[in-house]
Protein backbone atom coordinates (compact mmCIF):
# COMPACT_ATOMS: atom_id res chain seq x y z
CA MET A 1 -167.61 65.08 58.32
CA THR A 2 -169.69 63.14 55.79
CA LYS A 3 -170.69 59.74 57.07
CA ALA A 4 -170.19 56.70 54.88
CA HIS A 5 -173.89 56.06 54.67
CA ASP A 6 -174.48 59.62 53.43
CA ALA A 7 -172.20 59.18 50.38
CA PRO A 8 -174.01 58.85 47.05
CA ALA A 9 -174.29 55.31 45.71
CA ARG A 10 -171.73 54.39 43.10
CA ARG A 11 -172.96 53.39 39.65
CA PRO A 12 -170.60 50.79 38.21
CA ALA A 13 -170.87 50.53 34.44
CA ARG A 14 -171.75 46.83 34.55
CA ALA A 15 -174.77 47.53 36.76
CA VAL A 16 -175.89 50.43 34.58
CA VAL A 17 -175.61 48.28 31.46
CA ARG A 18 -177.44 45.38 33.08
CA ALA A 19 -180.42 47.54 34.06
CA ALA A 20 -180.58 49.14 30.62
CA ALA A 21 -180.36 45.75 28.91
CA GLU A 22 -183.35 44.52 30.87
CA ARG A 23 -185.31 47.55 29.72
CA LEU A 24 -184.31 47.03 26.08
CA ALA A 25 -185.15 43.35 26.23
CA THR A 26 -188.63 44.19 27.49
CA ALA A 27 -189.00 46.56 24.51
CA GLY A 28 -188.18 43.74 22.09
CA VAL A 29 -184.67 44.82 21.08
CA GLU A 30 -182.84 41.80 19.65
CA SER A 31 -179.41 42.43 21.21
CA PRO A 32 -180.18 44.31 24.43
CA ALA A 33 -176.91 43.75 26.30
CA TYR A 34 -174.77 44.65 23.30
CA ASP A 35 -176.80 47.77 22.53
CA ALA A 36 -176.77 48.94 26.14
CA GLY A 37 -173.00 48.53 26.29
CA GLU A 38 -172.49 50.38 23.02
CA LEU A 39 -174.67 53.28 24.15
CA LEU A 40 -172.91 53.66 27.49
CA ALA A 41 -169.50 53.45 25.83
CA HIS A 42 -170.66 56.14 23.39
CA VAL A 43 -171.69 58.62 26.06
CA LEU A 44 -168.52 57.96 28.06
CA GLY A 45 -166.22 58.25 25.06
CA THR A 46 -164.79 54.78 25.46
CA THR A 47 -165.30 51.26 24.10
CA ARG A 48 -167.44 48.43 25.42
CA GLY A 49 -164.23 46.75 26.57
CA GLY A 50 -163.23 49.92 28.36
CA LEU A 51 -166.39 49.86 30.48
CA VAL A 52 -164.80 47.34 32.86
CA LEU A 53 -162.62 50.20 34.13
CA VAL A 54 -165.59 52.46 34.91
CA ASP A 55 -166.50 52.15 38.59
CA ASP A 56 -168.87 55.10 38.71
CA VAL A 57 -170.88 56.59 35.82
CA PRO A 58 -171.10 60.38 36.38
CA THR A 59 -174.64 61.65 36.89
CA PRO A 60 -174.67 63.94 33.81
CA ARG A 61 -173.47 61.06 31.61
CA LEU A 62 -176.04 58.77 33.19
CA ALA A 63 -178.81 61.19 32.21
CA ALA A 64 -177.54 61.29 28.62
CA PHE A 65 -177.36 57.50 28.58
CA ASP A 66 -180.90 57.12 29.89
CA ALA A 67 -182.18 59.39 27.12
CA LEU A 68 -180.48 57.23 24.48
CA VAL A 69 -181.80 54.03 26.04
CA GLU A 70 -185.31 55.47 25.89
CA ARG A 71 -184.89 56.19 22.19
CA ARG A 72 -183.47 52.72 21.55
CA ALA A 73 -186.39 51.17 23.43
CA ALA A 74 -188.63 53.04 20.98
CA ARG A 75 -186.72 51.08 18.28
CA GLU A 76 -184.61 53.90 16.90
CA PRO A 77 -181.57 52.17 15.33
CA LEU A 78 -178.50 51.89 17.51
CA GLN A 79 -176.34 53.29 14.72
CA HIS A 80 -178.51 56.40 14.45
CA LEU A 81 -177.95 57.04 18.15
CA THR A 82 -174.17 56.66 17.99
CA GLY A 83 -173.79 58.01 14.45
CA VAL A 84 -171.45 55.16 13.58
CA ALA A 85 -171.67 51.76 11.88
CA HIS A 86 -168.85 49.23 11.65
CA PHE A 87 -168.43 47.18 8.47
CA ARG A 88 -165.58 44.70 8.06
CA HIS A 89 -162.49 46.80 8.89
CA VAL A 90 -163.94 50.27 8.31
CA GLU A 91 -166.04 52.74 10.25
CA LEU A 92 -168.92 54.60 8.63
CA ALA A 93 -170.90 57.69 9.52
CA VAL A 94 -174.62 56.92 9.31
CA GLY A 95 -177.88 58.53 10.30
CA PRO A 96 -181.37 59.36 9.07
CA GLY A 97 -181.55 59.23 5.28
CA VAL A 98 -179.07 56.42 4.65
CA PHE A 99 -179.44 52.65 4.86
CA VAL A 100 -177.52 51.23 7.83
CA PRO A 101 -175.18 48.49 6.54
CA ARG A 102 -175.87 45.01 7.96
CA PRO A 103 -173.31 42.41 9.03
CA GLU A 104 -174.59 39.88 6.48
CA THR A 105 -173.53 42.20 3.65
CA GLU A 106 -169.92 41.81 4.79
CA VAL A 107 -169.92 38.35 3.17
CA LEU A 108 -170.84 39.84 -0.21
CA ALA A 109 -168.13 42.47 0.19
CA GLY A 110 -165.67 39.71 1.06
CA TRP A 111 -166.52 37.88 -2.17
CA ALA A 112 -165.81 41.02 -4.23
CA ILE A 113 -162.56 41.63 -2.37
CA ASP A 114 -161.43 38.05 -3.03
CA ALA A 115 -162.33 38.36 -6.71
CA LEU A 116 -160.19 41.47 -7.04
CA ARG A 117 -157.30 40.10 -5.00
CA GLN A 118 -157.02 36.67 -6.53
CA GLY A 119 -157.43 37.66 -10.13
CA GLN A 120 -160.58 35.57 -10.47
CA VAL A 121 -162.03 38.28 -12.65
CA ARG A 122 -159.56 37.69 -15.46
CA GLY A 123 -161.42 35.70 -18.06
CA ALA A 124 -161.69 35.11 -21.76
CA ASP A 125 -160.05 38.31 -22.91
CA GLU A 126 -157.10 38.19 -20.51
CA ALA A 127 -154.65 37.92 -23.37
CA HIS A 128 -155.80 41.31 -24.61
CA ARG A 129 -155.28 43.04 -21.29
CA ASP A 130 -152.23 44.40 -19.57
CA ALA A 131 -151.71 41.89 -16.75
CA ARG A 132 -150.41 44.72 -14.59
CA ALA A 133 -153.53 46.87 -15.03
CA ALA A 134 -155.42 47.73 -11.86
CA PRO A 135 -158.69 45.79 -11.56
CA VAL A 136 -161.84 47.88 -11.87
CA ALA A 137 -164.76 47.55 -9.46
CA VAL A 138 -168.13 49.29 -9.48
CA ASP A 139 -170.41 49.46 -6.44
CA LEU A 140 -173.97 50.20 -7.54
CA CYS A 141 -176.48 51.54 -4.97
CA THR A 142 -173.57 52.32 -2.65
CA GLY A 143 -175.69 53.90 0.11
CA SER A 144 -173.30 54.81 2.93
CA GLY A 145 -170.38 53.66 0.80
CA ALA A 146 -169.78 50.57 2.95
CA ILE A 147 -168.84 48.12 0.20
CA ALA A 148 -166.89 50.66 -1.85
CA LYS A 149 -164.90 51.73 1.19
CA SER A 150 -164.10 48.12 2.07
CA LEU A 151 -162.92 47.42 -1.48
CA ALA A 152 -160.64 50.46 -1.46
CA ASP A 153 -159.41 49.65 2.04
CA GLU A 154 -158.62 45.98 1.44
CA VAL A 155 -157.59 46.08 -2.24
CA PRO A 156 -155.70 49.39 -2.44
CA GLY A 157 -154.53 48.65 -5.98
CA ALA A 158 -158.06 48.50 -7.36
CA ARG A 159 -159.86 51.32 -9.13
CA VAL A 160 -163.16 51.61 -7.27
CA HIS A 161 -166.22 53.48 -8.55
CA ALA A 162 -169.52 53.96 -6.71
CA VAL A 163 -172.89 55.56 -7.39
CA GLU A 164 -175.84 56.61 -5.23
CA LEU A 165 -179.09 58.29 -6.27
CA SER A 166 -180.45 59.64 -2.97
CA PRO A 167 -179.05 63.09 -2.07
CA ALA A 168 -179.16 62.27 1.65
CA ALA A 169 -177.38 58.94 1.25
CA TYR A 170 -174.90 60.47 -1.20
CA ALA A 171 -173.89 63.01 1.44
CA PHE A 172 -173.02 60.19 3.85
CA ALA A 173 -171.14 58.30 1.13
CA GLU A 174 -169.19 61.43 0.23
CA ARG A 175 -168.14 61.81 3.85
CA ASN A 176 -167.28 58.13 4.30
CA LEU A 177 -165.30 57.81 1.07
CA ALA A 178 -163.31 61.02 1.43
CA GLY A 179 -159.63 60.31 0.99
CA MET A 180 -160.19 56.72 -0.15
CA GLY A 181 -159.56 57.36 -3.84
CA VAL A 182 -163.05 56.16 -4.80
CA ASP A 183 -164.76 57.73 -7.81
CA LEU A 184 -168.15 58.55 -6.24
CA ARG A 185 -170.98 59.84 -8.41
CA GLN A 186 -174.58 60.80 -7.78
CA GLY A 187 -177.07 59.24 -10.16
CA ASP A 188 -179.24 56.31 -11.18
CA PHE A 189 -177.47 52.95 -11.12
CA ALA A 190 -179.44 51.94 -14.22
CA THR A 191 -177.56 54.48 -16.35
CA ALA A 192 -174.40 55.27 -14.40
CA PHE A 193 -170.84 54.94 -15.72
CA ASP A 194 -171.38 55.09 -19.46
CA ASP A 195 -167.66 55.85 -19.66
CA LEU A 196 -166.86 52.42 -18.19
CA LEU A 197 -169.01 50.24 -20.46
CA GLY A 198 -167.34 46.93 -21.22
CA THR A 199 -164.30 47.59 -19.03
CA VAL A 200 -165.34 46.62 -15.49
CA ASP A 201 -163.99 43.52 -13.74
CA VAL A 202 -166.32 43.35 -10.72
CA VAL A 203 -169.81 44.78 -10.25
CA VAL A 204 -171.17 44.53 -6.72
CA CYS A 205 -174.55 45.73 -5.47
CA ASN A 206 -176.77 45.63 -2.42
CA PRO A 207 -180.02 46.67 -4.13
CA PRO A 208 -183.47 47.11 -2.61
CA TYR A 209 -185.14 43.69 -2.69
CA ILE A 210 -188.07 43.57 -0.26
CA PRO A 211 -191.49 42.96 -1.88
CA LEU A 212 -194.00 45.71 -1.22
CA GLU A 213 -196.39 43.13 0.18
CA ALA A 214 -193.85 42.23 2.89
CA TRP A 215 -194.18 45.62 4.60
CA GLU A 216 -195.50 44.23 7.88
CA SER A 217 -192.72 41.64 8.18
CA VAL A 218 -189.90 44.18 8.05
CA ALA A 219 -188.15 44.89 11.35
CA GLN A 220 -189.41 48.07 12.98
CA GLU A 221 -185.98 49.71 12.97
CA ALA A 222 -185.69 49.28 9.18
CA ARG A 223 -189.30 50.01 8.30
CA ASP A 224 -189.48 53.21 10.34
CA HIS A 225 -185.96 54.57 9.87
CA ASP A 226 -184.20 53.20 6.77
CA PRO A 227 -185.08 55.02 3.52
CA HIS A 228 -187.81 53.08 1.75
CA GLU A 229 -186.09 53.39 -1.63
CA ALA A 230 -183.27 51.29 -0.16
CA LEU A 231 -185.68 48.58 1.00
CA PHE A 232 -188.60 47.95 -1.35
CA SER A 233 -188.48 46.88 -4.99
CA GLY A 234 -191.82 46.12 -6.61
CA GLN A 235 -194.41 43.47 -5.91
CA ASP A 236 -191.97 40.56 -5.97
CA GLY A 237 -188.89 42.42 -4.70
CA LEU A 238 -186.95 41.71 -7.89
CA ASP A 239 -187.41 44.91 -9.90
CA ALA A 240 -184.02 46.39 -8.98
CA ILE A 241 -182.31 43.04 -9.55
CA ARG A 242 -183.72 42.95 -13.09
CA VAL A 243 -182.28 46.42 -13.73
CA LEU A 244 -178.98 45.31 -12.21
CA GLU A 245 -178.80 42.32 -14.56
CA ARG A 246 -179.07 44.58 -17.61
CA ARG A 247 -176.63 47.21 -16.36
CA ALA A 248 -174.04 44.72 -15.13
CA ALA A 249 -174.06 43.05 -18.57
CA GLN A 250 -173.27 46.43 -20.12
CA LEU A 251 -170.58 47.44 -17.64
CA LEU A 252 -168.62 44.21 -17.36
CA ARG A 253 -166.01 43.02 -19.79
CA ALA A 254 -166.39 39.45 -21.05
CA GLY A 255 -165.51 37.19 -18.14
CA GLY A 256 -166.18 39.89 -15.55
CA VAL A 257 -168.23 39.00 -12.48
CA VAL A 258 -171.21 40.41 -10.63
CA GLY A 259 -172.37 39.81 -7.07
CA PHE A 260 -175.53 41.09 -5.42
CA GLU A 261 -177.44 40.62 -2.19
CA HIS A 262 -181.03 39.38 -1.98
CA ALA A 263 -183.58 38.34 0.63
CA ASP A 264 -183.21 34.90 2.20
CA VAL A 265 -186.45 33.80 0.52
CA GLN A 266 -185.07 34.72 -2.92
CA GLY A 267 -182.39 32.04 -3.07
CA GLU A 268 -183.97 30.62 -6.22
CA ALA A 269 -185.82 33.61 -7.66
CA ALA A 270 -182.85 36.01 -7.64
CA PRO A 271 -180.39 33.73 -9.51
CA ALA A 272 -183.18 32.88 -11.95
CA VAL A 273 -183.30 36.53 -13.09
CA PHE A 274 -179.75 36.11 -14.40
CA SER A 275 -180.01 32.53 -15.62
CA ALA A 276 -183.09 33.30 -17.73
CA THR A 277 -181.29 35.81 -19.96
CA GLY A 278 -178.63 33.48 -21.32
CA ARG A 279 -175.97 36.16 -20.81
CA TRP A 280 -174.39 34.61 -17.74
CA ALA A 281 -172.27 31.62 -16.78
CA ASP A 282 -171.47 30.19 -13.34
CA VAL A 283 -174.64 31.59 -11.77
CA ARG A 284 -174.37 30.57 -8.13
CA ASP A 285 -176.13 31.42 -4.92
CA HIS A 286 -174.28 31.76 -1.61
CA ARG A 287 -175.28 31.57 2.04
CA ASP A 288 -174.43 33.97 4.83
CA LEU A 289 -172.79 33.07 8.13
CA ALA A 290 -176.18 32.04 9.52
CA GLY A 291 -176.65 29.55 6.67
CA ARG A 292 -179.35 31.56 4.88
CA PRO A 293 -179.38 32.25 1.12
CA ARG A 294 -177.91 35.74 0.90
CA PHE A 295 -176.20 36.67 -2.39
CA THR A 296 -175.83 35.59 -6.00
CA THR A 297 -172.75 35.72 -8.21
CA ALA A 298 -172.41 35.25 -11.97
CA ARG A 299 -169.84 35.63 -14.73
CA LEU A 300 -170.56 37.44 -17.98
CA ALA A 301 -170.31 34.91 -20.81
CA ARG A 302 -168.14 35.49 -23.85
């Protein structure tokens, strides 16, 4: 008969997560407890909430978990380890080769969703449009397809178009947007959608905007694992935004709106790109949930 003291020690999930979180914190991970919980839930095929029901983590699963924790401690992105990113109400497949969507971009997506829902995009030429026509949205630099998928998910009556240049990122977007009714194309956002010129209601974009000189200040997870073409944009970080200004002016109908993300230090410089051209009205900058300058919106003048 096996004596009680000979039985293997149980490994409650909470204890396993706590030990892993301490290890991740020592490695400099910003959200160690959250990441440890997500990784354990991933290997156990449950959710973080479901971990409270796990009284003993099986040894094989514990070994798999330890391997993932080691990779996360080396600053490999959490989403690359689980293969999943959550954005607003949708789930996205992500991995090496595609930019991992950030929570702060959800605010920009929310602005575009509100514009489509509330009819804010209807402007000077409304009298010449069929009021029942589906609003048209274009997501430039779609990456994983996060914003485009959210638009299609939350405004099902909208006609959503998206474009991505990188073959690797396009493959993720194709997977994520399958069945959503989104017109996804591969190409350069500077020249995409010639067939939509002057007809678009909302242009939304999360372009690259980090100055090349800011290389050392970029978080290790992004610098080492996100595609550089999704991060850096010239010496001042505004090159892609300048291209966006020109293309949005061509795509939008009069009174249509554009919204784009920028770095928190570009709260004046990014809107100025649009204001300086004289093509735009209602140029405004907006803050994210942390109170930092995060995205600019503008309306194409008549």
